[in-house]
N, C-alpha and C. Protein backbone atom coordinates (compact mmCIF):
# COMPACT_ATOMS: atom_id res chain seq x y z
N UNK A 1 10.14 -2.72 29.03
CA UNK A 1 9.15 -1.78 28.52
C UNK A 1 7.91 -2.58 28.12
N UNK A 2 6.76 -2.02 28.41
CA UNK A 2 5.50 -2.67 28.08
C UNK A 2 5.01 -2.20 26.71
N UNK A 3 4.03 -2.91 26.20
CA UNK A 3 3.42 -2.53 24.93
C UNK A 3 2.93 -1.09 24.99
N UNK A 4 2.21 -0.74 26.04
CA UNK A 4 1.65 0.61 26.15
C UNK A 4 2.74 1.67 26.18
N UNK A 5 3.80 1.43 26.92
CA UNK A 5 4.90 2.39 26.98
C UNK A 5 5.55 2.59 25.62
N UNK A 6 5.74 1.52 24.90
CA UNK A 6 6.35 1.61 23.57
C UNK A 6 5.44 2.38 22.62
N UNK A 7 4.16 2.11 22.65
CA UNK A 7 3.21 2.80 21.78
C UNK A 7 3.15 4.29 22.11
N UNK A 8 3.14 4.62 23.40
CA UNK A 8 3.14 6.03 23.80
C UNK A 8 4.36 6.73 23.22
N UNK A 9 5.50 6.10 23.33
CA UNK A 9 6.74 6.68 22.80
C UNK A 9 6.67 6.85 21.28
N UNK A 10 6.21 5.82 20.59
CA UNK A 10 6.13 5.86 19.13
C UNK A 10 5.21 6.97 18.63
N UNK A 11 4.09 7.16 19.31
CA UNK A 11 3.09 8.14 18.86
C UNK A 11 3.42 9.55 19.34
N UNK A 12 3.71 9.70 20.62
CA UNK A 12 3.90 11.03 21.17
C UNK A 12 5.24 11.66 20.76
N UNK A 13 6.25 10.85 20.55
CA UNK A 13 7.56 11.39 20.19
C UNK A 13 7.72 11.65 18.70
N UNK A 14 6.77 11.21 17.90
CA UNK A 14 6.88 11.33 16.44
C UNK A 14 5.58 11.83 15.83
N UNK A 15 5.20 13.09 16.10
CA UNK A 15 3.94 13.58 15.54
C UNK A 15 3.98 13.65 14.02
N UNK A 16 2.85 13.35 13.41
CA UNK A 16 2.71 13.48 11.96
C UNK A 16 2.47 14.95 11.62
N UNK A 17 2.78 15.34 10.41
CA UNK A 17 2.60 16.73 9.99
C UNK A 17 1.14 17.15 10.16
N UNK A 18 0.93 18.27 10.84
CA UNK A 18 -0.41 18.81 11.02
C UNK A 18 -1.26 18.08 12.04
N UNK A 19 -0.70 17.14 12.74
CA UNK A 19 -1.45 16.32 13.68
C UNK A 19 -1.64 17.06 15.01
N UNK A 20 -2.82 16.96 15.57
CA UNK A 20 -3.11 17.61 16.85
C UNK A 20 -2.80 16.65 18.02
N UNK A 21 -2.60 17.23 19.21
CA UNK A 21 -2.43 16.36 20.38
C UNK A 21 -3.64 15.45 20.59
N UNK A 22 -4.85 15.96 20.30
CA UNK A 22 -6.06 15.16 20.44
C UNK A 22 -6.01 13.95 19.51
N UNK A 23 -5.53 14.12 18.30
CA UNK A 23 -5.43 13.00 17.35
C UNK A 23 -4.46 11.95 17.88
N UNK A 24 -3.36 12.38 18.49
CA UNK A 24 -2.40 11.41 19.03
C UNK A 24 -3.01 10.64 20.20
N UNK A 25 -3.80 11.34 21.03
CA UNK A 25 -4.46 10.64 22.14
C UNK A 25 -5.47 9.62 21.63
N UNK A 26 -6.18 9.93 20.56
CA UNK A 26 -7.11 8.96 19.95
C UNK A 26 -6.36 7.73 19.47
N UNK A 27 -5.19 7.96 18.90
CA UNK A 27 -4.38 6.83 18.42
C UNK A 27 -3.91 5.95 19.58
N UNK A 28 -3.53 6.59 20.69
CA UNK A 28 -3.12 5.81 21.86
C UNK A 28 -4.26 4.93 22.36
N UNK A 29 -5.45 5.52 22.47
CA UNK A 29 -6.61 4.74 22.91
C UNK A 29 -6.92 3.61 21.94
N UNK A 30 -6.84 3.90 20.65
CA UNK A 30 -7.13 2.88 19.65
C UNK A 30 -6.12 1.74 19.73
N UNK A 31 -4.84 2.07 19.88
CA UNK A 31 -3.83 1.00 19.96
C UNK A 31 -4.06 0.13 21.20
N UNK A 32 -4.44 0.73 22.30
CA UNK A 32 -4.72 -0.07 23.50
C UNK A 32 -5.92 -0.98 23.29
N UNK A 33 -6.96 -0.47 22.64
CA UNK A 33 -8.12 -1.29 22.32
C UNK A 33 -7.72 -2.43 21.37
N UNK A 34 -6.97 -2.10 20.33
CA UNK A 34 -6.56 -3.12 19.36
C UNK A 34 -5.70 -4.19 20.01
N UNK A 35 -4.84 -3.80 20.92
CA UNK A 35 -4.00 -4.78 21.61
C UNK A 35 -4.86 -5.69 22.49
N UNK A 36 -5.86 -5.14 23.14
CA UNK A 36 -6.76 -5.94 23.96
C UNK A 36 -7.52 -6.95 23.08
N UNK A 37 -8.02 -6.49 21.93
CA UNK A 37 -8.69 -7.40 20.99
C UNK A 37 -7.73 -8.47 20.49
N UNK A 38 -6.51 -8.05 20.18
CA UNK A 38 -5.48 -8.99 19.71
C UNK A 38 -5.26 -10.10 20.75
N UNK A 39 -5.12 -9.72 22.00
CA UNK A 39 -4.90 -10.71 23.07
C UNK A 39 -6.08 -11.64 23.23
N UNK A 40 -7.28 -11.16 22.92
CA UNK A 40 -8.50 -11.97 23.04
C UNK A 40 -8.80 -12.75 21.76
N UNK A 41 -7.90 -12.67 20.77
CA UNK A 41 -8.08 -13.34 19.47
C UNK A 41 -9.36 -12.91 18.77
N UNK A 42 -9.71 -11.65 18.91
CA UNK A 42 -10.85 -11.08 18.20
C UNK A 42 -10.31 -10.37 16.97
N UNK A 43 -10.81 -10.68 15.78
CA UNK A 43 -10.29 -10.04 14.57
C UNK A 43 -10.39 -8.51 14.65
N UNK A 44 -9.35 -7.85 14.22
CA UNK A 44 -9.28 -6.40 14.26
C UNK A 44 -9.90 -5.84 12.98
N UNK A 45 -11.23 -5.77 12.98
CA UNK A 45 -11.97 -5.23 11.84
C UNK A 45 -12.72 -3.99 12.29
N UNK A 46 -13.07 -3.14 11.32
CA UNK A 46 -13.84 -1.94 11.65
C UNK A 46 -15.16 -2.30 12.32
N UNK A 47 -15.79 -3.38 11.88
CA UNK A 47 -17.05 -3.79 12.49
C UNK A 47 -16.87 -4.12 13.96
N UNK A 48 -15.86 -4.92 14.30
CA UNK A 48 -15.63 -5.27 15.70
C UNK A 48 -15.26 -4.03 16.52
N UNK A 49 -14.48 -3.14 15.94
CA UNK A 49 -14.06 -1.93 16.65
C UNK A 49 -15.26 -1.03 16.91
N UNK A 50 -16.10 -0.83 15.90
CA UNK A 50 -17.25 0.05 16.09
C UNK A 50 -18.26 -0.56 17.07
N UNK A 51 -18.41 -1.87 17.05
CA UNK A 51 -19.32 -2.52 17.99
C UNK A 51 -18.84 -2.35 19.43
N UNK A 52 -17.54 -2.42 19.63
CA UNK A 52 -16.99 -2.31 20.99
C UNK A 52 -16.96 -0.88 21.49
N UNK A 53 -16.78 0.09 20.59
CA UNK A 53 -16.57 1.47 21.01
C UNK A 53 -17.79 2.37 20.85
N UNK A 54 -18.70 2.01 19.95
CA UNK A 54 -19.81 2.89 19.64
C UNK A 54 -19.44 3.99 18.66
N UNK A 55 -18.19 3.98 18.19
CA UNK A 55 -17.76 4.96 17.18
C UNK A 55 -18.41 4.65 15.84
N UNK A 56 -18.53 5.65 15.01
CA UNK A 56 -18.92 5.41 13.62
C UNK A 56 -17.73 4.79 12.91
N UNK A 57 -17.98 4.26 11.72
CA UNK A 57 -16.87 3.69 10.94
C UNK A 57 -15.84 4.77 10.62
N UNK A 58 -16.31 5.97 10.28
CA UNK A 58 -15.40 7.07 10.00
C UNK A 58 -14.62 7.50 11.23
N UNK A 59 -15.30 7.51 12.37
CA UNK A 59 -14.64 7.87 13.62
C UNK A 59 -13.57 6.87 14.02
N UNK A 60 -13.79 5.60 13.72
CA UNK A 60 -12.79 4.57 14.02
C UNK A 60 -11.67 4.59 12.98
N UNK A 61 -12.02 4.89 11.74
CA UNK A 61 -11.03 4.86 10.66
C UNK A 61 -9.99 5.97 10.80
N UNK A 62 -10.39 7.11 11.35
CA UNK A 62 -9.46 8.24 11.46
C UNK A 62 -8.18 7.89 12.23
N UNK A 63 -8.26 7.41 13.47
CA UNK A 63 -7.02 7.05 14.16
C UNK A 63 -6.35 5.83 13.55
N UNK A 64 -7.13 4.91 13.00
CA UNK A 64 -6.54 3.73 12.37
C UNK A 64 -5.70 4.13 11.16
N UNK A 65 -6.21 5.05 10.35
CA UNK A 65 -5.44 5.50 9.19
C UNK A 65 -4.11 6.12 9.61
N UNK A 66 -4.12 6.89 10.69
CA UNK A 66 -2.87 7.48 11.18
C UNK A 66 -1.92 6.40 11.68
N UNK A 67 -2.46 5.37 12.33
CA UNK A 67 -1.62 4.26 12.81
C UNK A 67 -1.03 3.47 11.65
N UNK A 68 -1.79 3.35 10.56
CA UNK A 68 -1.26 2.70 9.35
C UNK A 68 -0.13 3.55 8.77
N UNK A 69 -0.32 4.86 8.72
CA UNK A 69 0.71 5.77 8.21
C UNK A 69 1.98 5.65 9.03
N UNK A 70 1.85 5.52 10.33
CA UNK A 70 3.00 5.40 11.22
C UNK A 70 3.69 4.04 11.11
N UNK A 71 3.01 3.06 10.52
CA UNK A 71 3.56 1.71 10.43
C UNK A 71 3.34 0.89 11.68
N UNK A 72 2.45 1.35 12.56
CA UNK A 72 2.15 0.59 13.77
C UNK A 72 1.11 -0.49 13.51
N UNK A 73 0.35 -0.32 12.44
CA UNK A 73 -0.64 -1.31 12.00
C UNK A 73 -0.38 -1.65 10.54
N UNK A 74 -0.81 -2.82 10.15
CA UNK A 74 -0.86 -3.20 8.74
C UNK A 74 -2.28 -3.67 8.46
N UNK A 75 -2.70 -3.55 7.21
CA UNK A 75 -4.05 -3.99 6.88
C UNK A 75 -4.03 -4.95 5.70
N UNK A 76 -5.03 -5.80 5.68
CA UNK A 76 -5.23 -6.74 4.59
C UNK A 76 -6.72 -6.79 4.31
N UNK A 77 -7.07 -7.29 3.14
CA UNK A 77 -8.48 -7.50 2.79
C UNK A 77 -8.79 -8.96 2.96
N UNK A 78 -9.88 -9.23 3.69
CA UNK A 78 -10.33 -10.60 3.93
C UNK A 78 -11.81 -10.68 3.58
N UNK A 79 -12.32 -11.90 3.46
CA UNK A 79 -13.76 -12.06 3.24
C UNK A 79 -14.51 -11.61 4.48
N UNK A 80 -15.65 -10.96 4.27
CA UNK A 80 -16.44 -10.53 5.42
C UNK A 80 -17.12 -11.72 6.07
N UNK A 81 -17.81 -11.47 7.16
CA UNK A 81 -18.44 -12.54 7.94
C UNK A 81 -19.41 -13.35 7.09
N UNK A 82 -20.14 -12.68 6.20
CA UNK A 82 -21.09 -13.38 5.35
C UNK A 82 -20.39 -14.14 4.22
N UNK A 83 -19.12 -13.88 3.99
CA UNK A 83 -18.36 -14.55 2.95
C UNK A 83 -18.65 -14.03 1.56
N UNK A 84 -19.40 -12.94 1.44
CA UNK A 84 -19.80 -12.43 0.13
C UNK A 84 -18.96 -11.24 -0.30
N UNK A 85 -18.52 -10.45 0.63
CA UNK A 85 -17.78 -9.24 0.30
C UNK A 85 -16.42 -9.25 0.95
N UNK A 86 -15.80 -8.10 0.94
CA UNK A 86 -14.48 -7.97 1.54
C UNK A 86 -14.53 -7.02 2.73
N UNK A 87 -13.66 -7.27 3.68
CA UNK A 87 -13.53 -6.42 4.85
C UNK A 87 -12.05 -6.17 5.10
N UNK A 88 -11.77 -4.99 5.60
CA UNK A 88 -10.40 -4.66 5.97
C UNK A 88 -10.12 -5.22 7.35
N UNK A 89 -9.04 -5.96 7.46
CA UNK A 89 -8.64 -6.49 8.76
C UNK A 89 -7.27 -5.92 9.08
N UNK A 90 -7.07 -5.57 10.32
CA UNK A 90 -5.83 -4.95 10.75
C UNK A 90 -5.04 -5.89 11.64
N UNK A 91 -3.74 -5.67 11.66
CA UNK A 91 -2.86 -6.40 12.56
C UNK A 91 -1.86 -5.41 13.13
N UNK A 92 -1.47 -5.63 14.36
CA UNK A 92 -0.41 -4.82 14.93
C UNK A 92 0.87 -5.22 14.22
N UNK A 93 1.62 -4.23 13.77
CA UNK A 93 2.83 -4.49 12.99
C UNK A 93 3.81 -5.35 13.78
N UNK A 94 4.38 -6.32 13.10
CA UNK A 94 5.34 -7.22 13.74
C UNK A 94 6.53 -6.45 14.31
N UNK A 95 6.85 -5.32 13.70
CA UNK A 95 7.97 -4.51 14.20
C UNK A 95 7.79 -4.06 15.63
N UNK A 96 6.54 -3.84 16.04
CA UNK A 96 6.28 -3.44 17.43
C UNK A 96 6.66 -4.58 18.38
N UNK A 97 6.26 -5.79 18.03
CA UNK A 97 6.58 -6.93 18.89
C UNK A 97 8.09 -7.22 18.86
N UNK A 98 8.72 -7.00 17.73
CA UNK A 98 10.18 -7.19 17.62
C UNK A 98 10.91 -6.18 18.52
N UNK A 99 10.44 -4.93 18.53
CA UNK A 99 11.06 -3.92 19.42
C UNK A 99 10.90 -4.32 20.87
N UNK A 100 9.71 -4.78 21.23
CA UNK A 100 9.48 -5.21 22.62
C UNK A 100 10.42 -6.35 23.01
N UNK A 101 10.60 -7.31 22.10
CA UNK A 101 11.49 -8.44 22.38
C UNK A 101 12.93 -7.97 22.54
N UNK A 102 13.37 -7.07 21.65
CA UNK A 102 14.76 -6.62 21.73
C UNK A 102 15.01 -5.80 22.98
N UNK A 103 14.02 -5.03 23.41
CA UNK A 103 14.17 -4.22 24.62
C UNK A 103 14.21 -5.12 25.86
N UNK A 104 13.34 -6.12 25.90
CA UNK A 104 13.30 -6.99 27.07
C UNK A 104 14.48 -7.96 27.10
N UNK A 105 15.16 -8.15 25.98
CA UNK A 105 16.34 -9.03 25.95
C UNK A 105 17.58 -8.35 26.50
N UNK A 106 17.52 -7.04 26.63
CA UNK A 106 18.71 -6.29 27.13
C UNK A 106 18.96 -6.53 28.57
């Protein structure tokens, strides 16, 4: 199973309360973008995401918040690029990679 297949299963098979199909599709797109950034060693920050997508910060935060709720992402606070303030940085949850390893080990 590939990363994309696992993410599709995690999101589409487990809708959140009140969640629309459109919201789930946004999450799928966001996870694919985040995985691409992860592979390129680009920090997963709202700034990098909005620069790559053209989304507003709120538009990017909406699917990210749902992915955090699902446990597919984790977030931490880090110093921003200028080193003066704080920025939220995201990581793909280690559990996703653990599931991929266990599936491919079968």
